[in-house]
Amino acid sequence: FDEWHSLRYRAQSGESLTKIMPEAFAVV
């Protein structure tokens, strides 16, 4: 849960979704 919200923070801070896609797909 914390890992996902860390990704949410990075995405909303301007980091590219494509860049964090591997990490996001791994969590999901």
PDB file of all heavy atoms in Angstrom:
ATOM      1  N   PHE A   1       0.842  -1.200   0.000  1.00  0.00           N
ATOM      2  CA  PHE A   1       0.000   0.000   0.000  1.00  0.00           C
ATOM      3  C   PHE A   1       0.878   1.252   0.000  1.00  0.00           C
ATOM      4  O   PHE A   1       0.648   2.195  -0.757  1.00  0.00           O
ATOM      5  CB  PHE A   1      -0.917  -0.018   1.217  1.00  0.00           C
ATOM      6  CG  PHE A   1      -1.890   1.125   1.278  1.00  0.00           C
ATOM      7  CD1 PHE A   1      -3.129   1.031   0.658  1.00  0.00           C
ATOM      8  CD2 PHE A   1      -1.582   2.299   1.960  1.00  0.00           C
ATOM      9  CE1 PHE A   1      -4.039   2.083   0.711  1.00  0.00           C
ATOM     10  CE2 PHE A   1      -2.472   3.350   2.017  1.00  0.00           C
ATOM     11  CZ  PHE A   1      -3.711   3.237   1.392  1.00  0.00           C
ATOM     12  N   ASP A   2       1.903   1.258   0.845  1.00  0.00           N
ATOM     13  CA  ASP A   2       2.819   2.398   0.922  1.00  0.00           C
ATOM     14  C   ASP A   2       3.595   2.564  -0.387  1.00  0.00           C
ATOM     15  O   ASP A   2       3.850   3.695  -0.830  1.00  0.00           O
ATOM     16  CB  ASP A   2       3.802   2.219   2.082  1.00  0.00           C
ATOM     17  CG  ASP A   2       3.121   2.313   3.437  1.00  0.00           C
ATOM     18  OD1 ASP A   2       1.998   2.866   3.496  1.00  0.00           O
ATOM     19  OD2 ASP A   2       3.696   1.825   4.430  1.00  0.00           O
ATOM     20  N   GLU A   3       3.975   1.438  -0.980  1.00  0.00           N
ATOM     21  CA  GLU A   3       4.719   1.484  -2.246  1.00  0.00           C
ATOM     22  C   GLU A   3       3.875   2.144  -3.336  1.00  0.00           C
ATOM     23  O   GLU A   3       4.371   2.960  -4.117  1.00  0.00           O
ATOM     24  CB  GLU A   3       5.098   0.064  -2.670  1.00  0.00           C
ATOM     25  CG  GLU A   3       6.000  -0.016  -3.883  1.00  0.00           C
ATOM     26  CD  GLU A   3       7.420   0.451  -3.610  1.00  0.00           C
ATOM     27  OE1 GLU A   3       7.800   0.547  -2.417  1.00  0.00           O
ATOM     28  OE2 GLU A   3       8.138   0.741  -4.583  1.00  0.00           O
ATOM     29  N   TRP A   4       2.591   1.805  -3.355  1.00  0.00           N
ATOM     30  CA  TRP A   4       1.704   2.390  -4.356  1.00  0.00           C
ATOM     31  C   TRP A   4       1.530   3.892  -4.137  1.00  0.00           C
ATOM     32  O   TRP A   4       1.543   4.670  -5.100  1.00  0.00           O
ATOM     33  CB  TRP A   4       0.344   1.688  -4.323  1.00  0.00           C
ATOM     34  CG  TRP A   4      -0.592   2.180  -5.389  1.00  0.00           C
ATOM     35  CD1 TRP A   4      -1.665   3.012  -5.251  1.00  0.00           C
ATOM     36  CD2 TRP A   4      -0.503   1.887  -6.786  1.00  0.00           C
ATOM     37  NE1 TRP A   4      -2.258   3.257  -6.467  1.00  0.00           N
ATOM     38  CE2 TRP A   4      -1.564   2.576  -7.432  1.00  0.00           C
ATOM     39  CE3 TRP A   4       0.368   1.115  -7.555  1.00  0.00           C
ATOM     40  CZ2 TRP A   4      -1.773   2.502  -8.805  1.00  0.00           C
ATOM     41  CZ3 TRP A   4       0.160   1.042  -8.928  1.00  0.00           C
ATOM     42  CH2 TRP A   4      -0.899   1.722  -9.533  1.00  0.00           C
ATOM     43  N   HIS A   5       1.403   4.297  -2.894  1.00  0.00           N
ATOM     44  CA  HIS A   5       1.213   5.719  -2.620  1.00  0.00           C
ATOM     45  C   HIS A   5       2.493   6.512  -2.841  1.00  0.00           C
ATOM     46  O   HIS A   5       2.443   7.713  -3.113  1.00  0.00           O
ATOM     47  CB  HIS A   5       0.652   5.918  -1.214  1.00  0.00           C
ATOM     48  CG  HIS A   5      -0.836   5.694  -1.173  1.00  0.00           C
ATOM     49  ND1 HIS A   5      -1.745   6.712  -1.326  1.00  0.00           N
ATOM     50  CD2 HIS A   5      -1.551   4.552  -1.068  1.00  0.00           C
ATOM     51  CE1 HIS A   5      -2.967   6.213  -1.287  1.00  0.00           C
ATOM     52  NE2 HIS A   5      -2.875   4.911  -1.134  1.00  0.00           N
ATOM     53  N   SER A   6       3.605   5.840  -2.769  1.00  0.00           N
ATOM     54  CA  SER A   6       4.856   6.486  -3.152  1.00  0.00           C
ATOM     55  C   SER A   6       4.866   6.761  -4.657  1.00  0.00           C
ATOM     56  O   SER A   6       5.289   7.835  -5.103  1.00  0.00           O
ATOM     57  CB  SER A   6       6.043   5.590  -2.789  1.00  0.00           C
ATOM     58  OG  SER A   6       7.252   6.121  -3.296  1.00  0.00           O
ATOM     59  N   LEU A   7       4.352   5.813  -5.421  1.00  0.00           N
ATOM     60  CA  LEU A   7       4.243   6.001  -6.871  1.00  0.00           C
ATOM     61  C   LEU A   7       3.242   7.111  -7.196  1.00  0.00           C
ATOM     62  O   LEU A   7       3.457   7.905  -8.119  1.00  0.00           O
ATOM     63  CB  LEU A   7       3.808   4.693  -7.539  1.00  0.00           C
ATOM     64  CG  LEU A   7       4.809   3.527  -7.477  1.00  0.00           C
ATOM     65  CD1 LEU A   7       4.175   2.257  -8.026  1.00  0.00           C
ATOM     66  CD2 LEU A   7       6.075   3.865  -8.261  1.00  0.00           C
ATOM     67  N   ARG A   8       2.148   7.172  -6.432  1.00  0.00           N
ATOM     68  CA  ARG A   8       1.161   8.220  -6.645  1.00  0.00           C
ATOM     69  C   ARG A   8       1.795   9.601  -6.427  1.00  0.00           C
ATOM     70  O   ARG A   8       1.551  10.534  -7.204  1.00  0.00           O
ATOM     71  CB  ARG A   8      -0.024   8.021  -5.699  1.00  0.00           C
ATOM     72  CG  ARG A   8      -1.159   9.031  -5.906  1.00  0.00           C
ATOM     73  CD  ARG A   8      -2.199   8.921  -4.801  1.00  0.00           C
ATOM     74  NE  ARG A   8      -2.950   7.687  -4.847  1.00  0.00           N
ATOM     75  CZ  ARG A   8      -4.109   7.538  -5.499  1.00  0.00           C
ATOM     76  NH1 ARG A   8      -4.638   8.552  -6.159  1.00  0.00           N
ATOM     77  NH2 ARG A   8      -4.737   6.383  -5.488  1.00  0.00           N
ATOM     78  N   TYR A   9       2.600   9.716  -5.366  1.00  0.00           N
ATOM     79  CA  TYR A   9       3.263  10.989  -5.065  1.00  0.00           C
ATOM     80  C   TYR A   9       4.210  11.373  -6.204  1.00  0.00           C
ATOM     81  O   TYR A   9       4.237  12.531  -6.649  1.00  0.00           O
ATOM     82  CB  TYR A   9       4.041  10.881  -3.754  1.00  0.00           C
ATOM     83  CG  TYR A   9       4.838  12.118  -3.433  1.00  0.00           C
ATOM     84  CD1 TYR A   9       4.222  13.253  -2.888  1.00  0.00           C
ATOM     85  CD2 TYR A   9       6.210  12.163  -3.678  1.00  0.00           C
ATOM     86  CE1 TYR A   9       4.955  14.396  -2.615  1.00  0.00           C
ATOM     87  CE2 TYR A   9       6.950  13.299  -3.411  1.00  0.00           C
ATOM     88  CZ  TYR A   9       6.319  14.421  -2.872  1.00  0.00           C
ATOM     89  OH  TYR A   9       7.047  15.552  -2.604  1.00  0.00           O
ATOM     90  N   ARG A  10       4.964  10.406  -6.707  1.00  0.00           N
ATOM     91  CA  ARG A  10       5.908  10.681  -7.796  1.00  0.00           C
ATOM     92  C   ARG A  10       5.177  11.119  -9.064  1.00  0.00           C
ATOM     93  O   ARG A  10       5.591  12.057  -9.754  1.00  0.00           O
ATOM     94  CB  ARG A  10       6.764   9.445  -8.071  1.00  0.00           C
ATOM     95  CG  ARG A  10       7.799   9.161  -6.979  1.00  0.00           C
ATOM     96  CD  ARG A  10       8.365   7.749  -7.094  1.00  0.00           C
ATOM     97  NE  ARG A  10       8.972   7.478  -8.386  1.00  0.00           N
ATOM     98  CZ  ARG A  10       9.407   6.273  -8.762  1.00  0.00           C
ATOM     99  NH1 ARG A  10       9.303   5.235  -7.917  1.00  0.00           N
ATOM    100  NH2 ARG A  10       9.945   6.094  -9.947  1.00  0.00           N
ATOM    101  N   ALA A  11       4.058  10.448  -9.342  1.00  0.00           N
ATOM    102  CA  ALA A  11       3.293  10.789 -10.550  1.00  0.00           C
ATOM    103  C   ALA A  11       2.714  12.191 -10.451  1.00  0.00           C
ATOM    104  O   ALA A  11       2.770  12.971 -11.412  1.00  0.00           O
ATOM    105  CB  ALA A  11       2.183   9.765 -10.760  1.00  0.00           C
ATOM    106  N   GLN A  12       2.160  12.533  -9.286  1.00  0.00           N
ATOM    107  CA  GLN A  12       1.547  13.839  -9.111  1.00  0.00           C
ATOM    108  C   GLN A  12       2.579  14.945  -8.928  1.00  0.00           C
ATOM    109  O   GLN A  12       2.240  16.125  -8.997  1.00  0.00           O
ATOM    110  CB  GLN A  12       0.570  13.796  -7.938  1.00  0.00           C
ATOM    111  CG  GLN A  12      -0.613  12.885  -8.206  1.00  0.00           C
ATOM    112  CD  GLN A  12      -1.639  12.894  -7.090  1.00  0.00           C
ATOM    113  OE1 GLN A  12      -1.642  13.764  -6.235  1.00  0.00           O
ATOM    114  NE2 GLN A  12      -2.538  11.906  -7.105  1.00  0.00           N
ATOM    115  N   SER A  13       3.832  14.547  -8.739  1.00  0.00           N
ATOM    116  CA  SER A  13       4.918  15.534  -8.658  1.00  0.00           C
ATOM    117  C   SER A  13       5.531  15.805 -10.026  1.00  0.00           C
ATOM    118  O   SER A  13       6.475  16.585 -10.136  1.00  0.00           O
ATOM    119  CB  SER A  13       6.006  15.036  -7.700  1.00  0.00           C
ATOM    120  OG  SER A  13       5.491  14.914  -6.389  1.00  0.00           O
ATOM    121  N   GLY A  14       4.998  15.120 -11.044  1.00  0.00           N
ATOM    122  CA  GLY A  14       5.442  15.407 -12.407  1.00  0.00           C
ATOM    123  C   GLY A  14       6.259  14.329 -13.070  1.00  0.00           C
ATOM    124  O   GLY A  14       6.634  14.462 -14.239  1.00  0.00           O
ATOM    125  N   GLU A  15       6.539  13.224 -12.370  1.00  0.00           N
ATOM    126  CA  GLU A  15       7.318  12.158 -12.984  1.00  0.00           C
ATOM    127  C   GLU A  15       6.463  11.439 -14.031  1.00  0.00           C
ATOM    128  O   GLU A  15       5.270  11.212 -13.845  1.00  0.00           O
ATOM    129  CB  GLU A  15       7.793  11.168 -11.918  1.00  0.00           C
ATOM    130  CG  GLU A  15       8.883  10.234 -12.399  1.00  0.00           C
ATOM    131  CD  GLU A  15       9.559   9.482 -11.260  1.00  0.00           C
ATOM    132  OE1 GLU A  15       9.365   9.873 -10.083  1.00  0.00           O
ATOM    133  OE2 GLU A  15      10.264   8.505 -11.547  1.00  0.00           O
ATOM    134  N   SER A  16       7.059  11.072 -15.132  1.00  0.00           N
ATOM    135  CA  SER A  16       6.346  10.443 -16.239  1.00  0.00           C
ATOM    136  C   SER A  16       5.731   9.102 -15.833  1.00  0.00           C
ATOM    137  O   SER A  16       6.381   8.279 -15.178  1.00  0.00           O
ATOM    138  CB  SER A  16       7.309  10.216 -17.409  1.00  0.00           C
ATOM    139  OG  SER A  16       6.788   9.303 -18.328  1.00  0.00           O
ATOM    140  N   LEU A  17       4.467   8.898 -16.223  1.00  0.00           N
ATOM    141  CA  LEU A  17       3.828   7.608 -15.952  1.00  0.00           C
ATOM    142  C   LEU A  17       4.555   6.475 -16.659  1.00  0.00           C
ATOM    143  O   LEU A  17       4.633   5.358 -16.139  1.00  0.00           O
ATOM    144  CB  LEU A  17       2.363   7.642 -16.405  1.00  0.00           C
ATOM    145  CG  LEU A  17       1.373   8.460 -15.578  1.00  0.00           C
ATOM    146  CD1 LEU A  17      -0.025   8.360 -16.178  1.00  0.00           C
ATOM    147  CD2 LEU A  17       1.354   7.995 -14.122  1.00  0.00           C
ATOM    148  N   THR A  18       5.062   6.755 -17.859  1.00  0.00           N
ATOM    149  CA  THR A  18       5.793   5.723 -18.595  1.00  0.00           C
ATOM    150  C   THR A  18       7.049   5.312 -17.839  1.00  0.00           C
ATOM    151  O   THR A  18       7.414   4.127 -17.826  1.00  0.00           O
ATOM    152  CB  THR A  18       6.158   6.243 -20.003  1.00  0.00           C
ATOM    153  OG1 THR A  18       4.964   6.611 -20.688  1.00  0.00           O
ATOM    154  CG2 THR A  18       6.881   5.177 -20.801  1.00  0.00           C
ATOM    155  N   LYS A  19       7.672   6.269 -17.173  1.00  0.00           N
ATOM    156  CA  LYS A  19       8.898   5.960 -16.429  1.00  0.00           C
ATOM    157  C   LYS A  19       8.622   5.065 -15.230  1.00  0.00           C
ATOM    158  O   LYS A  19       9.393   4.150 -14.924  1.00  0.00           O
ATOM    159  CB  LYS A  19       9.557   7.268 -15.973  1.00  0.00           C
ATOM    160  CG  LYS A  19      10.880   7.060 -15.238  1.00  0.00           C
ATOM    161  CD  LYS A  19      11.509   8.396 -14.894  1.00  0.00           C
ATOM    162  CE  LYS A  19      12.830   8.202 -14.158  1.00  0.00           C
ATOM    163  NZ  LYS A  19      13.447   9.498 -13.795  1.00  0.00           N
ATOM    164  N   ILE A  20       7.487   5.308 -14.542  1.00  0.00           N
ATOM    165  CA  ILE A  20       7.192   4.507 -13.351  1.00  0.00           C
ATOM    166  C   ILE A  20       6.316   3.296 -13.679  1.00  0.00           C
ATOM    167  O   ILE A  20       5.936   2.549 -12.777  1.00  0.00           O
ATOM    168  CB  ILE A  20       6.504   5.363 -12.265  1.00  0.00           C
ATOM    169  CG1 ILE A  20       5.116   5.831 -12.737  1.00  0.00           C
ATOM    170  CG2 ILE A  20       7.374   6.531 -11.868  1.00  0.00           C
ATOM    171  CD1 ILE A  20       4.383   6.618 -11.678  1.00  0.00           C
ATOM    172  N   MET A  21       6.013   3.095 -14.963  1.00  0.00           N
ATOM    173  CA  MET A  21       5.133   2.004 -15.367  1.00  0.00           C
ATOM    174  C   MET A  21       5.609   0.625 -14.900  1.00  0.00           C
ATOM    175  O   MET A  21       4.799  -0.153 -14.365  1.00  0.00           O
ATOM    176  CB  MET A  21       4.942   2.006 -16.891  1.00  0.00           C
ATOM    177  CG  MET A  21       4.016   0.916 -17.411  1.00  0.00           C
ATOM    178  SD  MET A  21       3.585   1.175 -19.160  1.00  0.00           S
ATOM    179  CE  MET A  21       5.221   0.982 -19.915  1.00  0.00           C
ATOM    180  N   PRO A  22       6.871   0.244 -15.055  1.00  0.00           N
ATOM    181  CA  PRO A  22       7.282  -1.079 -14.589  1.00  0.00           C
ATOM    182  C   PRO A  22       7.026  -1.297 -13.100  1.00  0.00           C
ATOM    183  O   PRO A  22       6.533  -2.359 -12.691  1.00  0.00           O
ATOM    184  CB  PRO A  22       8.776  -1.123 -14.916  1.00  0.00           C
ATOM    185  CG  PRO A  22       8.941  -0.154 -16.037  1.00  0.00           C
ATOM    186  CD  PRO A  22       7.976   0.943 -15.753  1.00  0.00           C
ATOM    187  N   GLU A  23       7.331  -0.289 -12.285  1.00  0.00           N
ATOM    188  CA  GLU A  23       7.101  -0.416 -10.846  1.00  0.00           C
ATOM    189  C   GLU A  23       5.606  -0.505 -10.530  1.00  0.00           C
ATOM    190  O   GLU A  23       5.176  -1.302  -9.697  1.00  0.00           O
ATOM    191  CB  GLU A  23       7.713   0.785 -10.118  1.00  0.00           C
ATOM    192  CG  GLU A  23       9.228   0.866 -10.245  1.00  0.00           C
ATOM    193  CD  GLU A  23       9.755   2.207  -9.761  1.00  0.00           C
ATOM    194  OE1 GLU A  23       9.974   2.349  -8.546  1.00  0.00           O
ATOM    195  OE2 GLU A  23       9.926   3.110 -10.607  1.00  0.00           O
ATOM    196  N   ALA A  24       4.821   0.335 -11.221  1.00  0.00           N
ATOM    197  CA  ALA A  24       3.373   0.338 -10.983  1.00  0.00           C
ATOM    198  C   ALA A  24       2.753  -0.993 -11.373  1.00  0.00           C
ATOM    199  O   ALA A  24       1.952  -1.572 -10.625  1.00  0.00           O
ATOM    200  CB  ALA A  24       2.720   1.478 -11.760  1.00  0.00           C
ATOM    201  N   PHE A  25       3.115  -1.511 -12.539  1.00  0.00           N
ATOM    202  CA  PHE A  25       2.561  -2.787 -12.993  1.00  0.00           C
ATOM    203  C   PHE A  25       2.979  -3.934 -12.081  1.00  0.00           C
ATOM    204  O   PHE A  25       2.223  -4.886 -11.879  1.00  0.00           O
ATOM    205  CB  PHE A  25       2.993  -3.070 -14.431  1.00  0.00           C
ATOM    206  CG  PHE A  25       2.178  -2.333 -15.463  1.00  0.00           C
ATOM    207  CD1 PHE A  25       1.267  -1.345 -15.099  1.00  0.00           C
ATOM    208  CD2 PHE A  25       2.304  -2.631 -16.811  1.00  0.00           C
ATOM    209  CE1 PHE A  25       0.515  -0.669 -16.047  1.00  0.00           C
ATOM    210  CE2 PHE A  25       1.550  -1.970 -17.771  1.00  0.00           C
ATOM    211  CZ  PHE A  25       0.665  -0.979 -17.385  1.00  0.00           C
ATOM    212  N   ALA A  26       4.180  -3.833 -11.517  1.00  0.00           N
ATOM    213  CA  ALA A  26       4.640  -4.876 -10.595  1.00  0.00           C
ATOM    214  C   ALA A  26       3.778  -4.891  -9.336  1.00  0.00           C
ATOM    215  O   ALA A  26       3.375  -5.962  -8.854  1.00  0.00           O
ATOM    216  CB  ALA A  26       6.111  -4.652 -10.243  1.00  0.00           C
ATOM    217  N   VAL A  27       3.484  -3.713  -8.790  1.00  0.00           N
ATOM    218  CA  VAL A  27       2.646  -3.631  -7.585  1.00  0.00           C
ATOM    219  C   VAL A  27       1.234  -4.132  -7.882  1.00  0.00           C
ATOM    220  O   VAL A  27       0.668  -4.936  -7.127  1.00  0.00           O
ATOM    221  CB  VAL A  27       2.587  -2.179  -7.055  1.00  0.00           C
ATOM    222  CG1 VAL A  27       1.598  -2.083  -5.885  1.00  0.00           C
ATOM    223  CG2 VAL A  27       3.968  -1.713  -6.610  1.00  0.00           C
ATOM    224  N   VAL A  28       0.647  -3.676  -8.985  1.00  0.00           N
ATOM    225  CA  VAL A  28      -0.718  -4.095  -9.334  1.00  0.00           C
ATOM    226  C   VAL A  28      -0.763  -5.600  -9.571  1.00  0.00           C
ATOM    227  O   VAL A  28      -1.695  -6.287  -9.136  1.00  0.00           O
ATOM    228  CB  VAL A  28      -1.217  -3.335 -10.583  1.00  0.00           C
ATOM    229  CG1 VAL A  28      -2.596  -3.849 -11.000  1.00  0.00           C
ATOM    230  CG2 VAL A  28      -1.279  -1.838 -10.313  1.00  0.00           C
TER     231      VAL A  28
END
